[in-house]
All heavy atoms as atom14 arrays in JSON, in Angstrom:
{
  "sequence": "NYTNEEKIGNFQYQYIPLDKFEEIIISNGKKRKEAEMIGHEMLIAFRE",
  "atom14_mask": [
    [1, 1, 1, 1, 1, 1, 1, 1, 0, 0, 0, 0, 0, 0],
    [1, 1, 1, 1, 1, 1, 1, 1, 1, 1, 1, 1, 0, 0],
    [1, 1, 1, 1, 1, 1, 1, 0, 0, 0, 0, 0, 0, 0],
    [1, 1, 1, 1, 1, 1, 1, 1, 0, 0, 0, 0, 0, 0],
    [1, 1, 1, 1, 1, 1, 1, 1, 1, 0, 0, 0, 0, 0],
    [1, 1, 1, 1, 1, 1, 1, 1, 1, 0, 0, 0, 0, 0],
    [1, 1, 1, 1, 1, 1, 1, 1, 1, 0, 0, 0, 0, 0],
    [1, 1, 1, 1, 1, 1, 1, 1, 0, 0, 0, 0, 0, 0],
    [1, 1, 1, 1, 0, 0, 0, 0, 0, 0, 0, 0, 0, 0],
    [1, 1, 1, 1, 1, 1, 1, 1, 0, 0, 0, 0, 0, 0],
    [1, 1, 1, 1, 1, 1, 1, 1, 1, 1, 1, 0, 0, 0],
    [1, 1, 1, 1, 1, 1, 1, 1, 1, 0, 0, 0, 0, 0],
    [1, 1, 1, 1, 1, 1, 1, 1, 1, 1, 1, 1, 0, 0],
    [1, 1, 1, 1, 1, 1, 1, 1, 1, 0, 0, 0, 0, 0],
    [1, 1, 1, 1, 1, 1, 1, 1, 1, 1, 1, 1, 0, 0],
    [1, 1, 1, 1, 1, 1, 1, 1, 0, 0, 0, 0, 0, 0],
    [1, 1, 1, 1, 1, 1, 1, 0, 0, 0, 0, 0, 0, 0],
    [1, 1, 1, 1, 1, 1, 1, 1, 0, 0, 0, 0, 0, 0],
    [1, 1, 1, 1, 1, 1, 1, 1, 0, 0, 0, 0, 0, 0],
    [1, 1, 1, 1, 1, 1, 1, 1, 1, 0, 0, 0, 0, 0],
    [1, 1, 1, 1, 1, 1, 1, 1, 1, 1, 1, 0, 0, 0],
    [1, 1, 1, 1, 1, 1, 1, 1, 1, 0, 0, 0, 0, 0],
    [1, 1, 1, 1, 1, 1, 1, 1, 1, 0, 0, 0, 0, 0],
    [1, 1, 1, 1, 1, 1, 1, 1, 0, 0, 0, 0, 0, 0],
    [1, 1, 1, 1, 1, 1, 1, 1, 0, 0, 0, 0, 0, 0],
    [1, 1, 1, 1, 1, 1, 1, 1, 0, 0, 0, 0, 0, 0],
    [1, 1, 1, 1, 1, 1, 0, 0, 0, 0, 0, 0, 0, 0],
    [1, 1, 1, 1, 1, 1, 1, 1, 0, 0, 0, 0, 0, 0],
    [1, 1, 1, 1, 0, 0, 0, 0, 0, 0, 0, 0, 0, 0],
    [1, 1, 1, 1, 1, 1, 1, 1, 1, 0, 0, 0, 0, 0],
    [1, 1, 1, 1, 1, 1, 1, 1, 1, 0, 0, 0, 0, 0],
    [1, 1, 1, 1, 1, 1, 1, 1, 1, 1, 1, 0, 0, 0],
    [1, 1, 1, 1, 1, 1, 1, 1, 1, 0, 0, 0, 0, 0],
    [1, 1, 1, 1, 1, 1, 1, 1, 1, 0, 0, 0, 0, 0],
    [1, 1, 1, 1, 1, 0, 0, 0, 0, 0, 0, 0, 0, 0],
    [1, 1, 1, 1, 1, 1, 1, 1, 1, 0, 0, 0, 0, 0],
    [1, 1, 1, 1, 1, 1, 1, 1, 0, 0, 0, 0, 0, 0],
    [1, 1, 1, 1, 1, 1, 1, 1, 0, 0, 0, 0, 0, 0],
    [1, 1, 1, 1, 0, 0, 0, 0, 0, 0, 0, 0, 0, 0],
    [1, 1, 1, 1, 1, 1, 1, 1, 1, 1, 0, 0, 0, 0],
    [1, 1, 1, 1, 1, 1, 1, 1, 1, 0, 0, 0, 0, 0],
    [1, 1, 1, 1, 1, 1, 1, 1, 0, 0, 0, 0, 0, 0],
    [1, 1, 1, 1, 1, 1, 1, 1, 0, 0, 0, 0, 0, 0],
    [1, 1, 1, 1, 1, 1, 1, 1, 0, 0, 0, 0, 0, 0],
    [1, 1, 1, 1, 1, 0, 0, 0, 0, 0, 0, 0, 0, 0],
    [1, 1, 1, 1, 1, 1, 1, 1, 1, 1, 1, 0, 0, 0],
    [1, 1, 1, 1, 1, 1, 1, 1, 1, 1, 1, 0, 0, 0],
    [1, 1, 1, 1, 1, 1, 1, 1, 1, 0, 0, 0, 0, 0]
  ],
  "atom14_positions": [
    [[7.37, 0.32, 25.51], [6.83, 1.1, 26.66], [5.92, 2.2, 26.08], [6.3, 3.28, 25.87], [7.93, 1.69, 27.5], [7.42, 2.44, 28.69], [6.33, 2.14, 29.19], [8.2, 3.41, 29.23], [0.0, 0.0, 0.0], [0.0, 0.0, 0.0], [0.0, 0.0, 0.0], [0.0, 0.0, 0.0], [0.0, 0.0, 0.0], [0.0, 0.0, 0.0]],
    [[4.7, 1.78, 25.8], [3.73, 2.68, 25.14], [3.26, 3.74, 26.14], [3.1, 3.54, 27.3], [2.54, 2.0, 24.62], [2.73, 1.05, 23.44], [2.11, -0.14, 23.37], [3.68, 1.39, 22.45], [2.31, -0.98, 22.25], [3.86, 0.57, 21.34], [3.22, -0.57, 21.29], [3.53, -1.39, 20.21], [0.0, 0.0, 0.0], [0.0, 0.0, 0.0]],
    [[2.95, 5.01, 25.61], [2.36, 6.0, 26.42], [0.91, 5.6, 26.61], [0.34, 4.74, 25.92], [2.48, 7.38, 25.7], [1.71, 7.3, 24.55], [3.9, 7.78, 25.42], [0.0, 0.0, 0.0], [0.0, 0.0, 0.0], [0.0, 0.0, 0.0], [0.0, 0.0, 0.0], [0.0, 0.0, 0.0], [0.0, 0.0, 0.0], [0.0, 0.0, 0.0]],
    [[0.18, 6.38, 27.49], [-1.2, 6.08, 27.71], [-1.97, 6.42, 26.33], [-2.87, 5.68, 26.03], [-1.82, 6.94, 28.84], [-1.4, 6.32, 30.15], [-1.13, 5.21, 30.33], [-1.38, 7.24, 31.19], [0.0, 0.0, 0.0], [0.0, 0.0, 0.0], [0.0, 0.0, 0.0], [0.0, 0.0, 0.0], [0.0, 0.0, 0.0], [0.0, 0.0, 0.0]],
    [[-1.54, 7.44, 25.72], [-2.17, 7.79, 24.42], [-2.07, 6.71, 23.36], [-2.96, 6.41, 22.66], [-1.55, 9.08, 23.89], [-2.24, 9.63, 22.7], [-3.62, 10.28, 22.91], [-3.97, 10.56, 24.09], [-4.35, 10.46, 21.92], [0.0, 0.0, 0.0], [0.0, 0.0, 0.0], [0.0, 0.0, 0.0], [0.0, 0.0, 0.0], [0.0, 0.0, 0.0]],
    [[-0.9, 6.07, 23.3], [-0.62, 4.99, 22.4], [-1.44, 3.73, 22.8], [-1.97, 3.04, 21.96], [0.83, 4.68, 22.4], [1.69, 5.74, 21.67], [3.13, 5.64, 21.92], [3.62, 4.99, 22.9], [3.89, 6.17, 21.03], [0.0, 0.0, 0.0], [0.0, 0.0, 0.0], [0.0, 0.0, 0.0], [0.0, 0.0, 0.0], [0.0, 0.0, 0.0]],
    [[-1.55, 3.49, 24.07], [-2.42, 2.38, 24.59], [-3.87, 2.58, 24.19], [-4.54, 1.67, 23.67], [-2.24, 2.24, 26.11], [-0.88, 1.71, 26.44], [-0.82, 1.64, 27.97], [0.61, 1.24, 28.46], [0.74, 1.39, 29.94], [0.0, 0.0, 0.0], [0.0, 0.0, 0.0], [0.0, 0.0, 0.0], [0.0, 0.0, 0.0], [0.0, 0.0, 0.0]],
    [[-4.38, 3.79, 24.39], [-5.78, 4.15, 24.08], [-5.99, 4.03, 22.57], [-7.04, 3.54, 22.16], [-6.11, 5.52, 24.57], [-6.16, 5.64, 26.1], [-7.45, 6.02, 24.01], [-6.19, 7.01, 26.63], [0.0, 0.0, 0.0], [0.0, 0.0, 0.0], [0.0, 0.0, 0.0], [0.0, 0.0, 0.0], [0.0, 0.0, 0.0], [0.0, 0.0, 0.0]],
    [[-5.03, 4.44, 21.81], [-5.18, 4.32, 20.34], [-4.84, 2.97, 19.76], [-4.77, 2.81, 18.55], [0.0, 0.0, 0.0], [0.0, 0.0, 0.0], [0.0, 0.0, 0.0], [0.0, 0.0, 0.0], [0.0, 0.0, 0.0], [0.0, 0.0, 0.0], [0.0, 0.0, 0.0], [0.0, 0.0, 0.0], [0.0, 0.0, 0.0], [0.0, 0.0, 0.0]],
    [[-4.63, 2.0, 20.66], [-4.27, 0.61, 20.21], [-3.13, 0.55, 19.24], [-3.16, -0.04, 18.2], [-5.47, -0.04, 19.57], [-5.25, -1.52, 19.41], [-4.61, -2.19, 20.2], [-5.88, -2.12, 18.4], [0.0, 0.0, 0.0], [0.0, 0.0, 0.0], [0.0, 0.0, 0.0], [0.0, 0.0, 0.0], [0.0, 0.0, 0.0], [0.0, 0.0, 0.0]],
    [[-1.99, 1.26, 19.68], [-0.76, 1.38, 18.84], [-0.29, -0.1, 18.52], [-0.16, -0.91, 19.39], [0.29, 2.11, 19.6], [1.5, 2.45, 18.75], [1.57, 3.67, 18.04], [2.57, 1.51, 18.64], [2.7, 3.97, 17.31], [3.62, 1.79, 17.83], [3.72, 2.98, 17.16], [0.0, 0.0, 0.0], [0.0, 0.0, 0.0], [0.0, 0.0, 0.0]],
    [[0.04, -0.3, 17.29], [0.65, -1.56, 16.79], [1.67, -1.12, 15.8], [1.73, -0.04, 15.28], [-0.42, -2.38, 16.08], [-1.61, -2.75, 17.02], [-2.74, -3.35, 16.14], [-2.5, -3.88, 15.04], [-3.95, -3.29, 16.7], [0.0, 0.0, 0.0], [0.0, 0.0, 0.0], [0.0, 0.0, 0.0], [0.0, 0.0, 0.0], [0.0, 0.0, 0.0]],
    [[2.6, -2.01, 15.58], [3.59, -1.83, 14.51], [3.43, -2.94, 13.45], [2.92, -4.05, 13.75], [5.03, -1.81, 15.08], [5.32, -3.08, 15.83], [5.84, -4.24, 15.16], [5.24, -3.13, 17.26], [6.14, -5.41, 15.87], [5.56, -4.27, 17.92], [6.0, -5.39, 17.21], [6.33, -6.59, 17.89], [0.0, 0.0, 0.0], [0.0, 0.0, 0.0]],
    [[3.85, -2.59, 12.29], [3.81, -3.6, 11.22], [4.73, -3.14, 10.06], [5.04, -1.92, 9.84], [2.41, -3.76, 10.65], [1.83, -2.54, 9.95], [0.34, -2.8, 9.56], [-0.52, -2.73, 10.38], [0.12, -2.99, 8.31], [0.0, 0.0, 0.0], [0.0, 0.0, 0.0], [0.0, 0.0, 0.0], [0.0, 0.0, 0.0], [0.0, 0.0, 0.0]],
    [[5.31, -4.16, 9.37], [6.07, -3.93, 8.18], [5.2, -3.86, 6.96], [4.26, -4.66, 6.88], [7.09, -5.01, 8.0], [8.27, -4.98, 8.95], [8.32, -5.83, 10.12], [9.36, -4.18, 8.71], [9.3, -5.75, 10.97], [10.37, -4.16, 9.54], [10.42, -4.91, 10.66], [11.49, -4.96, 11.54], [0.0, 0.0, 0.0], [0.0, 0.0, 0.0]],
    [[5.51, -2.93, 6.1], [4.81, -2.96, 4.82], [5.87, -2.77, 3.69], [6.93, -2.24, 3.92], [3.8, -1.83, 4.62], [4.4, -0.47, 4.69], [2.67, -1.95, 5.69], [3.43, 0.64, 4.22], [0.0, 0.0, 0.0], [0.0, 0.0, 0.0], [0.0, 0.0, 0.0], [0.0, 0.0, 0.0], [0.0, 0.0, 0.0], [0.0, 0.0, 0.0]],
    [[5.67, -3.41, 2.52], [6.66, -3.32, 1.49], [6.85, -1.91, 0.97], [5.89, -1.11, 0.84], [6.06, -4.25, 0.35], [5.03, -5.04, 1.0], [4.5, -4.28, 2.16], [0.0, 0.0, 0.0], [0.0, 0.0, 0.0], [0.0, 0.0, 0.0], [0.0, 0.0, 0.0], [0.0, 0.0, 0.0], [0.0, 0.0, 0.0], [0.0, 0.0, 0.0]],
    [[8.07, -1.52, 0.74], [8.39, -0.15, 0.25], [7.59, 0.17, -1.04], [7.15, 1.27, -1.28], [9.87, 0.05, 0.03], [10.76, 0.28, 1.26], [12.18, 0.38, 0.93], [10.24, 1.44, 2.04], [0.0, 0.0, 0.0], [0.0, 0.0, 0.0], [0.0, 0.0, 0.0], [0.0, 0.0, 0.0], [0.0, 0.0, 0.0], [0.0, 0.0, 0.0]],
    [[7.43, -0.81, -1.87], [6.81, -0.58, -3.18], [5.28, -0.46, -3.03], [4.67, -0.06, -4.05], [7.15, -1.65, -4.22], [6.76, -3.03, -3.87], [6.25, -3.35, -2.73], [6.85, -3.89, -4.68], [0.0, 0.0, 0.0], [0.0, 0.0, 0.0], [0.0, 0.0, 0.0], [0.0, 0.0, 0.0], [0.0, 0.0, 0.0], [0.0, 0.0, 0.0]],
    [[4.7, -0.65, -1.85], [3.35, -0.5, -1.64], [3.11, 0.64, -0.68], [1.91, 0.95, -0.39], [2.77, -1.76, -0.98], [2.89, -3.0, -1.79], [1.86, -3.02, -2.9], [1.85, -4.3, -3.69], [1.17, -4.24, -4.94], [0.0, 0.0, 0.0], [0.0, 0.0, 0.0], [0.0, 0.0, 0.0], [0.0, 0.0, 0.0], [0.0, 0.0, 0.0]],
    [[4.11, 1.36, -0.21], [4.01, 2.38, 0.81], [3.02, 3.46, 0.34], [2.04, 3.75, 1.1], [5.35, 2.96, 1.08], [5.29, 4.12, 2.1], [5.36, 3.88, 3.4], [5.22, 5.44, 1.67], [5.3, 4.93, 4.3], [5.18, 6.49, 2.56], [5.22, 6.24, 3.96], [0.0, 0.0, 0.0], [0.0, 0.0, 0.0], [0.0, 0.0, 0.0]],
    [[3.25, 4.09, -0.81], [2.35, 5.22, -1.29], [0.92, 4.8, -1.33], [0.04, 5.49, -0.95], [2.9, 5.8, -2.49], [4.24, 6.62, -2.23], [4.54, 7.56, -3.41], [3.69, 8.1, -4.05], [5.76, 7.8, -3.57], [0.0, 0.0, 0.0], [0.0, 0.0, 0.0], [0.0, 0.0, 0.0], [0.0, 0.0, 0.0], [0.0, 0.0, 0.0]],
    [[0.69, 3.6, -2.0], [-0.63, 3.1, -2.18], [-1.4, 2.92, -0.79], [-2.58, 3.37, -0.63], [-0.56, 1.8, -2.93], [-1.83, 1.07, -3.17], [-1.65, -0.25, -3.77], [-0.64, -0.48, -4.54], [-2.43, -1.21, -3.5], [0.0, 0.0, 0.0], [0.0, 0.0, 0.0], [0.0, 0.0, 0.0], [0.0, 0.0, 0.0], [0.0, 0.0, 0.0]],
    [[-0.66, 2.31, 0.12], [-1.33, 2.02, 1.42], [-1.55, 3.36, 2.14], [-2.65, 3.56, 2.75], [-0.4, 1.08, 2.22], [-0.48, -0.29, 1.58], [-0.86, 1.03, 3.72], [0.55, -1.22, 2.13], [0.0, 0.0, 0.0], [0.0, 0.0, 0.0], [0.0, 0.0, 0.0], [0.0, 0.0, 0.0], [0.0, 0.0, 0.0], [0.0, 0.0, 0.0]],
    [[-0.62, 4.29, 2.14], [-0.78, 5.56, 2.88], [-1.91, 6.35, 2.24], [-2.79, 6.95, 2.96], [0.55, 6.29, 2.93], [1.57, 5.51, 3.68], [0.29, 7.72, 3.59], [1.23, 5.08, 5.09], [0.0, 0.0, 0.0], [0.0, 0.0, 0.0], [0.0, 0.0, 0.0], [0.0, 0.0, 0.0], [0.0, 0.0, 0.0], [0.0, 0.0, 0.0]],
    [[-1.96, 6.46, 0.95], [-3.07, 7.16, 0.25], [-4.4, 6.54, 0.53], [-5.37, 7.24, 0.83], [-2.78, 7.33, -1.23], [-1.57, 8.19, -1.46], [-4.03, 7.88, -2.02], [-0.99, 8.22, -2.9], [0.0, 0.0, 0.0], [0.0, 0.0, 0.0], [0.0, 0.0, 0.0], [0.0, 0.0, 0.0], [0.0, 0.0, 0.0], [0.0, 0.0, 0.0]],
    [[-4.5, 5.31, 0.44], [-5.76, 4.52, 0.71], [-6.25, 4.73, 2.1], [-7.39, 5.02, 2.35], [-5.55, 3.05, 0.43], [-6.7, 2.32, 0.74], [0.0, 0.0, 0.0], [0.0, 0.0, 0.0], [0.0, 0.0, 0.0], [0.0, 0.0, 0.0], [0.0, 0.0, 0.0], [0.0, 0.0, 0.0], [0.0, 0.0, 0.0], [0.0, 0.0, 0.0]],
    [[-5.28, 4.65, 3.09], [-5.64, 4.89, 4.45], [-6.17, 6.33, 4.67], [-7.02, 6.58, 5.5], [-4.42, 4.53, 5.39], [-4.91, 4.57, 6.81], [-5.65, 3.78, 7.23], [-4.23, 5.48, 7.52], [0.0, 0.0, 0.0], [0.0, 0.0, 0.0], [0.0, 0.0, 0.0], [0.0, 0.0, 0.0], [0.0, 0.0, 0.0], [0.0, 0.0, 0.0]],
    [[-5.53, 7.27, 3.99], [-5.94, 8.65, 4.17], [-7.34, 8.97, 3.7], [-7.94, 9.95, 4.12], [0.0, 0.0, 0.0], [0.0, 0.0, 0.0], [0.0, 0.0, 0.0], [0.0, 0.0, 0.0], [0.0, 0.0, 0.0], [0.0, 0.0, 0.0], [0.0, 0.0, 0.0], [0.0, 0.0, 0.0], [0.0, 0.0, 0.0], [0.0, 0.0, 0.0]],
    [[-7.97, 8.09, 2.88], [-9.26, 8.33, 2.44], [-10.26, 7.95, 3.5], [-11.49, 8.27, 3.39], [-9.51, 7.48, 1.12], [-8.73, 8.09, -0.05], [-8.89, 7.23, -1.27], [-8.0, 7.75, -2.39], [-8.09, 6.9, -3.57], [0.0, 0.0, 0.0], [0.0, 0.0, 0.0], [0.0, 0.0, 0.0], [0.0, 0.0, 0.0], [0.0, 0.0, 0.0]],
    [[-9.84, 7.32, 4.55], [-10.75, 6.79, 5.56], [-11.04, 7.83, 6.66], [-12.03, 7.7, 7.36], [-10.18, 5.54, 6.16], [-10.06, 4.38, 5.24], [-9.38, 3.2, 5.89], [-9.09, 2.12, 4.83], [-8.39, 1.04, 5.45], [0.0, 0.0, 0.0], [0.0, 0.0, 0.0], [0.0, 0.0, 0.0], [0.0, 0.0, 0.0], [0.0, 0.0, 0.0]],
    [[-10.11, 8.73, 6.83], [-10.18, 9.65, 8.01], [-9.33, 10.87, 7.74], [-8.23, 10.78, 7.27], [-9.63, 8.93, 9.24], [-9.98, 9.41, 10.57], [-9.7, 8.4, 11.65], [-9.96, 9.12, 12.91], [-9.12, 9.19, 13.85], [-7.96, 8.53, 13.84], [-9.41, 9.83, 14.92], [0.0, 0.0, 0.0], [0.0, 0.0, 0.0], [0.0, 0.0, 0.0]],
    [[-9.84, 12.1, 8.1], [-9.16, 13.34, 7.85], [-7.81, 13.34, 8.49], [-6.77, 13.81, 7.86], [-9.97, 14.47, 8.37], [-9.42, 15.78, 8.06], [-9.53, 16.12, 6.6], [-9.08, 17.5, 6.23], [-8.8, 17.73, 4.85], [0.0, 0.0, 0.0], [0.0, 0.0, 0.0], [0.0, 0.0, 0.0], [0.0, 0.0, 0.0], [0.0, 0.0, 0.0]],
    [[-7.67, 12.88, 9.79], [-6.37, 12.86, 10.39], [-5.42, 11.95, 9.72], [-4.16, 12.31, 9.58], [-6.46, 12.49, 11.86], [-5.2, 12.55, 12.62], [-5.34, 12.17, 14.14], [-6.15, 11.28, 14.44], [-4.63, 12.77, 14.92], [0.0, 0.0, 0.0], [0.0, 0.0, 0.0], [0.0, 0.0, 0.0], [0.0, 0.0, 0.0], [0.0, 0.0, 0.0]],
    [[-5.86, 10.83, 9.22], [-5.01, 9.9, 8.41], [-4.51, 10.57, 7.17], [-3.39, 10.39, 6.76], [-5.67, 8.6, 8.15], [0.0, 0.0, 0.0], [0.0, 0.0, 0.0], [0.0, 0.0, 0.0], [0.0, 0.0, 0.0], [0.0, 0.0, 0.0], [0.0, 0.0, 0.0], [0.0, 0.0, 0.0], [0.0, 0.0, 0.0], [0.0, 0.0, 0.0]],
    [[-5.34, 11.41, 6.53], [-4.91, 12.09, 5.35], [-3.92, 13.13, 5.63], [-2.88, 13.17, 4.9], [-6.14, 12.81, 4.74], [-5.86, 13.53, 3.42], [-7.05, 14.27, 2.9], [-8.01, 14.62, 3.61], [-7.06, 14.55, 1.69], [0.0, 0.0, 0.0], [0.0, 0.0, 0.0], [0.0, 0.0, 0.0], [0.0, 0.0, 0.0], [0.0, 0.0, 0.0]],
    [[-3.99, 13.89, 6.73], [-3.0, 14.9, 7.12], [-1.68, 14.17, 7.45], [-0.68, 14.66, 6.97], [-3.53, 15.66, 8.29], [-4.68, 16.59, 7.95], [-5.35, 17.4, 9.41], [-3.9, 18.1, 10.24], [0.0, 0.0, 0.0], [0.0, 0.0, 0.0], [0.0, 0.0, 0.0], [0.0, 0.0, 0.0], [0.0, 0.0, 0.0], [0.0, 0.0, 0.0]],
    [[-1.7, 13.17, 8.28], [-0.51, 12.49, 8.62], [0.14, 11.86, 7.38], [1.3, 11.86, 7.19], [-0.74, 11.5, 9.71], [-1.12, 12.2, 11.06], [0.49, 10.66, 9.94], [-1.61, 11.34, 12.15], [0.0, 0.0, 0.0], [0.0, 0.0, 0.0], [0.0, 0.0, 0.0], [0.0, 0.0, 0.0], [0.0, 0.0, 0.0], [0.0, 0.0, 0.0]],
    [[-0.7, 11.24, 6.63], [-0.29, 10.53, 5.41], [0.45, 11.51, 4.4], [1.44, 11.17, 3.83], [0.0, 0.0, 0.0], [0.0, 0.0, 0.0], [0.0, 0.0, 0.0], [0.0, 0.0, 0.0], [0.0, 0.0, 0.0], [0.0, 0.0, 0.0], [0.0, 0.0, 0.0], [0.0, 0.0, 0.0], [0.0, 0.0, 0.0], [0.0, 0.0, 0.0]],
    [[-0.12, 12.74, 4.27], [0.5, 13.69, 3.4], [1.88, 14.03, 3.88], [2.8, 14.07, 3.08], [-0.38, 14.96, 3.44], [0.18, 16.12, 2.61], [0.27, 16.1, 1.21], [0.81, 17.28, 2.97], [0.83, 17.17, 0.75], [1.19, 17.91, 1.77], [0.0, 0.0, 0.0], [0.0, 0.0, 0.0], [0.0, 0.0, 0.0], [0.0, 0.0, 0.0]],
    [[2.06, 14.25, 5.15], [3.45, 14.53, 5.81], [4.29, 13.29, 5.5], [5.54, 13.48, 5.19], [3.27, 14.77, 7.25], [4.49, 14.78, 8.06], [4.81, 13.58, 8.91], [3.84, 13.07, 9.52], [5.94, 13.19, 8.96], [0.0, 0.0, 0.0], [0.0, 0.0, 0.0], [0.0, 0.0, 0.0], [0.0, 0.0, 0.0], [0.0, 0.0, 0.0]],
    [[3.88, 12.06, 5.68], [4.6, 10.89, 5.47], [5.03, 10.74, 4.01], [6.19, 10.38, 3.7], [3.86, 9.63, 5.86], [3.62, 9.51, 7.31], [2.52, 8.11, 7.78], [3.69, 6.71, 7.49], [0.0, 0.0, 0.0], [0.0, 0.0, 0.0], [0.0, 0.0, 0.0], [0.0, 0.0, 0.0], [0.0, 0.0, 0.0], [0.0, 0.0, 0.0]],
    [[4.19, 11.09, 3.08], [4.52, 11.07, 1.65], [5.57, 12.02, 1.3], [6.48, 11.7, 0.49], [3.21, 11.29, 0.8], [2.25, 10.14, 0.86], [0.9, 10.6, 0.22], [2.78, 8.84, 0.2], [0.0, 0.0, 0.0], [0.0, 0.0, 0.0], [0.0, 0.0, 0.0], [0.0, 0.0, 0.0], [0.0, 0.0, 0.0], [0.0, 0.0, 0.0]],
    [[5.57, 13.2, 1.86], [6.62, 14.18, 1.55], [7.92, 13.57, 2.04], [8.89, 13.61, 1.26], [6.32, 15.48, 2.34], [5.17, 16.24, 1.65], [7.55, 16.42, 2.41], [4.59, 17.4, 2.54], [0.0, 0.0, 0.0], [0.0, 0.0, 0.0], [0.0, 0.0, 0.0], [0.0, 0.0, 0.0], [0.0, 0.0, 0.0], [0.0, 0.0, 0.0]],
    [[8.03, 13.08, 3.23], [9.31, 12.51, 3.75], [9.71, 11.3, 2.92], [10.9, 11.13, 2.59], [9.12, 12.16, 5.19], [0.0, 0.0, 0.0], [0.0, 0.0, 0.0], [0.0, 0.0, 0.0], [0.0, 0.0, 0.0], [0.0, 0.0, 0.0], [0.0, 0.0, 0.0], [0.0, 0.0, 0.0], [0.0, 0.0, 0.0], [0.0, 0.0, 0.0]],
    [[8.81, 10.47, 2.62], [9.15, 9.24, 1.8], [9.64, 9.52, 0.49], [10.67, 8.95, 0.04], [7.89, 8.34, 1.77], [8.21, 6.96, 1.03], [8.87, 6.02, 1.74], [7.74, 6.73, -0.27], [9.14, 4.75, 1.13], [8.03, 5.54, -0.77], [8.71, 4.51, -0.17], [0.0, 0.0, 0.0], [0.0, 0.0, 0.0], [0.0, 0.0, 0.0]],
    [[9.07, 10.54, -0.16], [9.54, 10.91, -1.46], [10.96, 11.58, -1.43], [11.76, 11.38, -2.33], [8.53, 11.8, -2.19], [7.27, 11.08, -2.61], [6.2, 11.9, -3.03], [4.98, 11.09, -3.34], [3.71, 11.56, -3.24], [3.49, 12.83, -3.01], [2.76, 10.74, -3.61], [0.0, 0.0, 0.0], [0.0, 0.0, 0.0], [0.0, 0.0, 0.0]],
    [[11.25, 12.29, -0.37], [12.59, 12.76, -0.18], [13.59, 11.66, 0.11], [14.68, 11.74, -0.45], [12.62, 13.82, 0.93], [11.98, 15.13, 0.66], [12.51, 15.87, -0.56], [13.8, 15.86, -0.67], [11.8, 16.45, -1.23], [0.0, 0.0, 0.0], [0.0, 0.0, 0.0], [0.0, 0.0, 0.0], [0.0, 0.0, 0.0], [0.0, 0.0, 0.0]]
  ]
}
């Protein structure tokens, strides 16, 4: 049950391998400032 914001953003889900997590998040962060900010937060949590 996606919110309107999720629908507009074309929300999708996907599995990624844990051993590729950091590489994928860092690479994605280079494409967009918001992705970099969110990715930074994700990396902090993932490392914990």
